[in-house]
């Protein structure tokens, strides 16, 4: 009797453990998720072509250059690039984001970081 109970318990736990890996939640919020070694977007495999966009924050901080940031994002999107890597900091320039330890220029954060992120979202670029 105990042997059958132990075998039944073992098989039940094995089935539960196996099904936990087979069941997937289909997210439709547009966020990229992982499933072991795969990237998924809305439940489907996602293969991202990416690029470095480190100068976006720098360009967004100068009025004469600010128009170049959305143009660069739009051009990257038109070429099929889907993931951007950018910096949310700029220390040592004449318009630093962080001007002292734990002291941030809120205007630069608002206009540089937020505007770059908004342009990326408008052009379906993930970061």
N, C-alpha and C. Protein backbone atom coordinates (compact mmCIF):
# COMPACT_ATOMS: atom_id res chain seq x y z
N UNK A 1 0.82 -1.20 0.00
CA UNK A 1 0.00 0.00 0.00
C UNK A 1 0.87 1.26 0.00
N UNK A 2 1.86 1.30 0.89
CA UNK A 2 2.75 2.47 0.97
C UNK A 2 3.56 2.62 -0.32
N UNK A 3 3.89 1.49 -0.92
CA UNK A 3 4.67 1.54 -2.15
C UNK A 3 3.85 2.16 -3.27
N UNK A 4 2.56 1.78 -3.38
CA UNK A 4 1.68 2.35 -4.39
C UNK A 4 1.45 3.84 -4.14
N UNK A 5 1.29 4.21 -2.89
CA UNK A 5 1.10 5.61 -2.54
C UNK A 5 2.34 6.43 -2.89
N UNK A 6 3.51 5.89 -2.60
CA UNK A 6 4.77 6.57 -2.93
C UNK A 6 4.95 6.72 -4.43
N UNK A 7 4.61 5.66 -5.19
CA UNK A 7 4.72 5.70 -6.65
C UNK A 7 3.73 6.70 -7.23
N UNK A 8 2.51 6.71 -6.71
CA UNK A 8 1.49 7.65 -7.17
C UNK A 8 1.92 9.09 -6.89
N UNK A 9 2.44 9.34 -5.72
CA UNK A 9 2.93 10.67 -5.36
C UNK A 9 4.08 11.10 -6.27
N UNK A 10 5.00 10.19 -6.52
CA UNK A 10 6.15 10.48 -7.39
C UNK A 10 5.68 10.83 -8.81
N UNK A 11 4.77 10.04 -9.37
CA UNK A 11 4.27 10.30 -10.72
C UNK A 11 3.52 11.63 -10.77
N UNK A 12 2.71 11.90 -9.76
CA UNK A 12 1.98 13.17 -9.70
C UNK A 12 2.93 14.35 -9.68
N UNK A 13 3.94 14.30 -8.84
CA UNK A 13 4.92 15.39 -8.76
C UNK A 13 5.70 15.53 -10.06
N UNK A 14 6.01 14.43 -10.72
CA UNK A 14 6.72 14.47 -11.99
C UNK A 14 5.87 15.15 -13.06
N UNK A 15 4.59 14.83 -13.11
CA UNK A 15 3.68 15.45 -14.08
C UNK A 15 3.55 16.95 -13.81
N UNK A 16 3.39 17.32 -12.56
CA UNK A 16 3.27 18.74 -12.21
C UNK A 16 4.55 19.48 -12.58
N UNK A 17 5.70 18.90 -12.28
CA UNK A 17 6.98 19.53 -12.58
C UNK A 17 7.16 19.69 -14.09
N UNK A 18 6.81 18.67 -14.87
CA UNK A 18 6.96 18.71 -16.33
C UNK A 18 6.01 19.74 -16.93
N UNK A 19 4.77 19.79 -16.48
CA UNK A 19 3.80 20.73 -17.03
C UNK A 19 4.15 22.17 -16.70
N UNK A 20 4.85 22.41 -15.62
CA UNK A 20 5.24 23.77 -15.27
C UNK A 20 6.13 24.37 -16.33
N UNK A 21 6.94 23.54 -17.00
CA UNK A 21 7.81 24.03 -18.06
C UNK A 21 7.08 24.15 -19.39
N UNK A 22 6.00 23.42 -19.56
CA UNK A 22 5.27 23.44 -20.82
C UNK A 22 4.26 24.58 -20.89
N UNK A 23 3.73 25.00 -19.75
CA UNK A 23 2.75 26.06 -19.74
C UNK A 23 3.44 27.42 -19.77
N UNK A 24 3.01 28.26 -20.69
CA UNK A 24 3.58 29.60 -20.80
C UNK A 24 2.46 30.61 -20.80
N UNK A 25 2.71 31.71 -20.15
CA UNK A 25 1.75 32.80 -20.16
C UNK A 25 2.03 33.64 -21.39
N UNK A 26 1.02 33.89 -22.17
CA UNK A 26 1.18 34.70 -23.37
C UNK A 26 0.96 36.16 -22.99
N UNK A 27 2.04 36.89 -22.90
CA UNK A 27 1.97 38.30 -22.56
C UNK A 27 1.74 39.10 -23.84
N UNK A 28 0.94 40.11 -23.76
CA UNK A 28 0.69 40.96 -24.93
C UNK A 28 0.92 42.43 -24.58
N UNK A 29 1.84 42.67 -23.66
CA UNK A 29 2.09 44.04 -23.23
C UNK A 29 3.25 44.69 -23.98
N UNK A 30 3.87 43.99 -24.92
CA UNK A 30 4.95 44.57 -25.70
C UNK A 30 6.32 44.48 -25.06
N UNK A 31 6.42 43.88 -23.87
CA UNK A 31 7.71 43.73 -23.22
C UNK A 31 8.37 42.44 -23.68
N UNK A 32 9.67 42.49 -23.82
CA UNK A 32 10.43 41.30 -24.18
C UNK A 32 10.68 40.49 -22.92
N UNK A 33 10.39 39.21 -22.99
CA UNK A 33 10.57 38.32 -21.85
C UNK A 33 11.55 37.21 -22.24
N UNK A 34 11.94 36.41 -21.27
CA UNK A 34 12.81 35.28 -21.56
C UNK A 34 12.13 33.98 -21.20
N UNK A 35 12.46 32.95 -21.93
CA UNK A 35 12.05 31.59 -21.64
C UNK A 35 13.30 30.75 -21.78
N UNK A 36 13.93 30.47 -20.66
CA UNK A 36 15.22 29.79 -20.62
C UNK A 36 16.24 30.57 -21.44
N UNK A 37 16.55 30.15 -22.67
CA UNK A 37 17.58 30.84 -23.45
C UNK A 37 16.99 31.63 -24.62
N UNK A 38 15.69 31.79 -24.68
CA UNK A 38 15.04 32.48 -25.79
C UNK A 38 14.42 33.79 -25.33
N UNK A 39 14.44 34.77 -26.22
CA UNK A 39 13.71 36.01 -25.99
C UNK A 39 12.35 35.87 -26.65
N UNK A 40 11.30 36.34 -25.96
CA UNK A 40 9.94 36.27 -26.48
C UNK A 40 9.31 37.65 -26.47
N UNK A 41 8.56 37.95 -27.51
CA UNK A 41 7.78 39.18 -27.59
C UNK A 41 6.35 38.76 -27.87
N UNK A 42 5.47 39.00 -26.91
CA UNK A 42 4.06 38.59 -27.00
C UNK A 42 3.92 37.09 -27.27
N UNK A 43 4.81 36.29 -26.67
CA UNK A 43 4.74 34.85 -26.79
C UNK A 43 5.45 34.26 -27.99
N UNK A 44 5.95 35.09 -28.91
CA UNK A 44 6.65 34.62 -30.10
C UNK A 44 8.14 34.88 -29.97
N UNK A 45 8.97 34.07 -30.62
CA UNK A 45 10.42 34.32 -30.55
C UNK A 45 10.77 35.71 -31.06
N UNK A 46 11.71 36.36 -30.38
CA UNK A 46 12.14 37.70 -30.76
C UNK A 46 13.64 37.68 -31.05
N UNK A 47 14.00 38.11 -32.24
CA UNK A 47 15.40 38.23 -32.63
C UNK A 47 15.66 39.70 -32.91
N UNK A 48 16.36 40.35 -32.02
CA UNK A 48 16.54 41.79 -32.14
C UNK A 48 17.84 42.17 -32.81
N UNK A 49 17.75 43.07 -33.76
CA UNK A 49 18.94 43.70 -34.34
C UNK A 49 19.17 44.97 -33.55
N UNK A 50 20.36 45.12 -32.99
CA UNK A 50 20.58 46.23 -32.07
C UNK A 50 21.69 47.16 -32.54
N UNK A 51 21.75 48.32 -31.88
CA UNK A 51 22.76 49.32 -32.21
C UNK A 51 23.08 50.15 -30.98
N UNK A 52 24.25 50.76 -30.99
CA UNK A 52 24.66 51.66 -29.92
C UNK A 52 24.22 53.07 -30.27
N UNK A 53 23.60 53.74 -29.34
CA UNK A 53 23.12 55.10 -29.56
C UNK A 53 23.58 56.00 -28.41
N UNK A 54 24.87 55.97 -28.14
CA UNK A 54 25.40 56.69 -26.99
C UNK A 54 25.36 58.20 -27.15
N UNK A 55 25.34 58.69 -28.37
CA UNK A 55 25.36 60.14 -28.57
C UNK A 55 23.97 60.78 -28.51
N UNK A 56 22.93 59.98 -28.36
CA UNK A 56 21.57 60.56 -28.32
C UNK A 56 21.41 61.54 -27.17
N UNK A 57 21.90 61.21 -26.00
CA UNK A 57 21.76 62.09 -24.85
C UNK A 57 22.56 63.38 -25.06
N UNK A 58 23.72 63.24 -25.67
CA UNK A 58 24.56 64.40 -25.95
C UNK A 58 23.86 65.33 -26.95
N UNK A 59 23.32 64.74 -28.01
CA UNK A 59 22.63 65.55 -29.02
C UNK A 59 21.40 66.22 -28.44
N UNK A 60 20.68 65.53 -27.58
CA UNK A 60 19.45 66.08 -27.02
C UNK A 60 19.71 67.24 -26.06
N UNK A 61 20.95 67.42 -25.62
CA UNK A 61 21.24 68.48 -24.65
C UNK A 61 21.57 69.82 -25.30
N UNK A 62 21.75 69.85 -26.60
CA UNK A 62 22.07 71.10 -27.31
C UNK A 62 20.94 71.46 -28.26
N UNK A 63 20.39 72.66 -28.13
CA UNK A 63 19.27 73.05 -28.99
C UNK A 63 19.57 72.93 -30.49
N UNK A 64 20.81 73.19 -30.88
CA UNK A 64 21.15 73.10 -32.31
C UNK A 64 21.26 71.66 -32.80
N UNK A 65 21.38 70.71 -31.89
CA UNK A 65 21.56 69.30 -32.26
C UNK A 65 20.35 68.43 -31.93
N UNK A 66 19.38 68.99 -31.21
CA UNK A 66 18.27 68.18 -30.68
C UNK A 66 17.46 67.51 -31.79
N UNK A 67 17.39 68.10 -32.96
CA UNK A 67 16.63 67.49 -34.06
C UNK A 67 17.28 66.23 -34.61
N UNK A 68 18.56 66.02 -34.33
CA UNK A 68 19.26 64.85 -34.85
C UNK A 68 18.88 63.56 -34.13
N UNK A 69 18.49 63.65 -32.87
CA UNK A 69 18.16 62.44 -32.11
C UNK A 69 16.97 61.70 -32.70
N UNK A 70 15.82 62.35 -32.92
CA UNK A 70 14.71 61.60 -33.52
C UNK A 70 15.00 61.13 -34.94
N UNK A 71 15.81 61.91 -35.68
CA UNK A 71 16.17 61.49 -37.04
C UNK A 71 16.99 60.20 -37.00
N UNK A 72 17.93 60.12 -36.05
CA UNK A 72 18.76 58.93 -35.92
C UNK A 72 17.92 57.71 -35.53
N UNK A 73 16.98 57.90 -34.62
CA UNK A 73 16.09 56.80 -34.20
C UNK A 73 15.22 56.35 -35.37
N UNK A 74 14.66 57.30 -36.10
CA UNK A 74 13.81 56.97 -37.24
C UNK A 74 14.60 56.21 -38.32
N UNK A 75 15.82 56.66 -38.59
CA UNK A 75 16.66 55.99 -39.59
C UNK A 75 17.01 54.56 -39.15
N UNK A 76 17.33 54.38 -37.88
CA UNK A 76 17.63 53.04 -37.38
C UNK A 76 16.42 52.13 -37.50
N UNK A 77 15.25 52.64 -37.17
CA UNK A 77 14.02 51.86 -37.27
C UNK A 77 13.73 51.48 -38.72
N UNK A 78 13.97 52.41 -39.65
CA UNK A 78 13.75 52.14 -41.07
C UNK A 78 14.69 51.06 -41.60
N UNK A 79 15.85 50.89 -40.98
CA UNK A 79 16.81 49.88 -41.39
C UNK A 79 16.57 48.54 -40.68
N UNK A 80 15.51 48.44 -39.91
CA UNK A 80 15.15 47.19 -39.25
C UNK A 80 15.80 46.96 -37.90
N UNK A 81 16.44 47.98 -37.35
CA UNK A 81 17.04 47.84 -36.03
C UNK A 81 15.95 48.01 -34.98
N UNK A 82 15.94 47.13 -33.99
CA UNK A 82 14.83 47.11 -33.04
C UNK A 82 15.23 47.35 -31.60
N UNK A 83 16.52 47.32 -31.29
CA UNK A 83 16.97 47.49 -29.90
C UNK A 83 18.09 48.52 -29.88
N UNK A 84 17.95 49.54 -29.01
CA UNK A 84 18.97 50.58 -28.89
C UNK A 84 19.60 50.54 -27.51
N UNK A 85 20.90 50.75 -27.46
CA UNK A 85 21.61 50.91 -26.19
C UNK A 85 22.05 52.36 -26.12
N UNK A 86 21.65 53.04 -25.09
CA UNK A 86 22.02 54.44 -24.92
C UNK A 86 22.42 54.69 -23.48
N UNK A 87 23.07 55.80 -23.24
CA UNK A 87 23.50 56.16 -21.89
C UNK A 87 22.52 57.16 -21.30
N UNK A 88 22.22 57.01 -20.06
CA UNK A 88 21.35 57.96 -19.37
C UNK A 88 22.18 58.87 -18.47
N UNK A 89 23.44 59.05 -18.83
CA UNK A 89 24.30 59.93 -18.05
C UNK A 89 25.25 60.65 -18.99
N UNK A 90 25.79 61.73 -18.55
CA UNK A 90 26.75 62.50 -19.33
C UNK A 90 27.55 63.34 -18.37
N UNK A 91 28.56 62.77 -17.79
CA UNK A 91 29.39 63.50 -16.84
C UNK A 91 30.58 64.11 -17.56
N UNK A 92 31.02 65.26 -17.10
CA UNK A 92 32.23 65.86 -17.62
C UNK A 92 32.02 66.79 -18.79
N UNK A 93 30.82 66.93 -19.30
CA UNK A 93 30.59 67.88 -20.39
C UNK A 93 30.14 69.21 -19.79
N UNK A 94 29.89 70.17 -20.66
CA UNK A 94 29.45 71.47 -20.15
C UNK A 94 28.01 71.44 -19.67
N UNK A 95 27.26 70.40 -20.02
CA UNK A 95 25.88 70.24 -19.55
C UNK A 95 25.74 68.85 -18.93
N UNK A 96 26.35 68.63 -17.77
CA UNK A 96 26.31 67.29 -17.19
C UNK A 96 24.94 66.95 -16.62
N UNK A 97 24.60 65.70 -16.69
CA UNK A 97 23.37 65.22 -16.06
C UNK A 97 23.57 65.11 -14.56
N UNK A 98 24.73 64.63 -14.15
CA UNK A 98 25.06 64.52 -12.73
C UNK A 98 26.19 65.51 -12.45
N UNK A 99 25.88 66.61 -11.78
CA UNK A 99 26.88 67.65 -11.57
C UNK A 99 27.65 67.49 -10.26
N UNK A 100 27.21 66.60 -9.39
CA UNK A 100 27.90 66.28 -8.14
C UNK A 100 27.40 64.91 -7.68
N UNK A 101 28.13 64.25 -6.79
CA UNK A 101 27.65 62.95 -6.30
C UNK A 101 26.23 63.05 -5.74
N UNK A 102 25.36 62.24 -6.26
CA UNK A 102 23.94 62.19 -5.86
C UNK A 102 23.19 63.48 -6.15
N UNK A 103 23.70 64.32 -7.02
CA UNK A 103 23.03 65.57 -7.43
C UNK A 103 22.82 65.54 -8.94
N UNK A 104 21.57 65.61 -9.35
CA UNK A 104 21.25 65.51 -10.77
C UNK A 104 20.57 66.78 -11.26
N UNK A 105 20.84 67.13 -12.48
CA UNK A 105 20.19 68.25 -13.14
C UNK A 105 18.86 67.73 -13.68
N UNK A 106 17.78 68.04 -12.99
CA UNK A 106 16.46 67.50 -13.33
C UNK A 106 16.00 67.92 -14.72
N UNK A 107 16.33 69.14 -15.13
CA UNK A 107 15.93 69.59 -16.47
C UNK A 107 16.60 68.75 -17.55
N UNK A 108 17.88 68.47 -17.36
CA UNK A 108 18.59 67.65 -18.35
C UNK A 108 18.04 66.23 -18.35
N UNK A 109 17.73 65.71 -17.18
CA UNK A 109 17.17 64.37 -17.10
C UNK A 109 15.82 64.32 -17.81
N UNK A 110 15.01 65.33 -17.56
CA UNK A 110 13.69 65.39 -18.16
C UNK A 110 13.76 65.52 -19.68
N UNK A 111 14.56 66.45 -20.16
CA UNK A 111 14.57 66.72 -21.59
C UNK A 111 15.45 65.74 -22.37
N UNK A 112 16.58 65.34 -21.80
CA UNK A 112 17.48 64.46 -22.54
C UNK A 112 17.02 63.01 -22.48
N UNK A 113 16.86 62.51 -21.29
CA UNK A 113 16.53 61.09 -21.13
C UNK A 113 15.10 60.80 -21.60
N UNK A 114 14.15 61.57 -21.11
CA UNK A 114 12.75 61.32 -21.44
C UNK A 114 12.48 61.50 -22.93
N UNK A 115 13.07 62.53 -23.55
CA UNK A 115 12.80 62.74 -24.97
C UNK A 115 13.41 61.63 -25.81
N UNK A 116 14.59 61.15 -25.44
CA UNK A 116 15.20 60.04 -26.20
C UNK A 116 14.37 58.78 -26.07
N UNK A 117 13.91 58.49 -24.87
CA UNK A 117 13.07 57.31 -24.66
C UNK A 117 11.77 57.44 -25.44
N UNK A 118 11.17 58.62 -25.44
CA UNK A 118 9.92 58.82 -26.17
C UNK A 118 10.11 58.62 -27.67
N UNK A 119 11.20 59.13 -28.23
CA UNK A 119 11.47 58.94 -29.66
C UNK A 119 11.68 57.46 -29.97
N UNK A 120 12.32 56.74 -29.07
CA UNK A 120 12.53 55.32 -29.30
C UNK A 120 11.20 54.57 -29.26
N UNK A 121 10.33 54.92 -28.33
CA UNK A 121 9.02 54.26 -28.23
C UNK A 121 8.16 54.57 -29.45
N UNK A 122 8.23 55.82 -29.93
CA UNK A 122 7.44 56.20 -31.10
C UNK A 122 7.85 55.42 -32.34
N UNK A 123 9.10 55.00 -32.40
CA UNK A 123 9.62 54.29 -33.57
C UNK A 123 9.80 52.80 -33.32
N UNK A 124 9.15 52.28 -32.29
CA UNK A 124 9.18 50.86 -31.94
C UNK A 124 10.61 50.36 -31.74
N UNK A 125 11.41 51.16 -31.08
CA UNK A 125 12.76 50.76 -30.71
C UNK A 125 12.72 50.40 -29.24
N UNK A 126 13.30 49.27 -28.89
CA UNK A 126 13.35 48.85 -27.49
C UNK A 126 14.74 49.11 -26.95
N UNK A 127 14.82 49.39 -25.66
CA UNK A 127 16.12 49.70 -25.06
C UNK A 127 16.23 49.05 -23.72
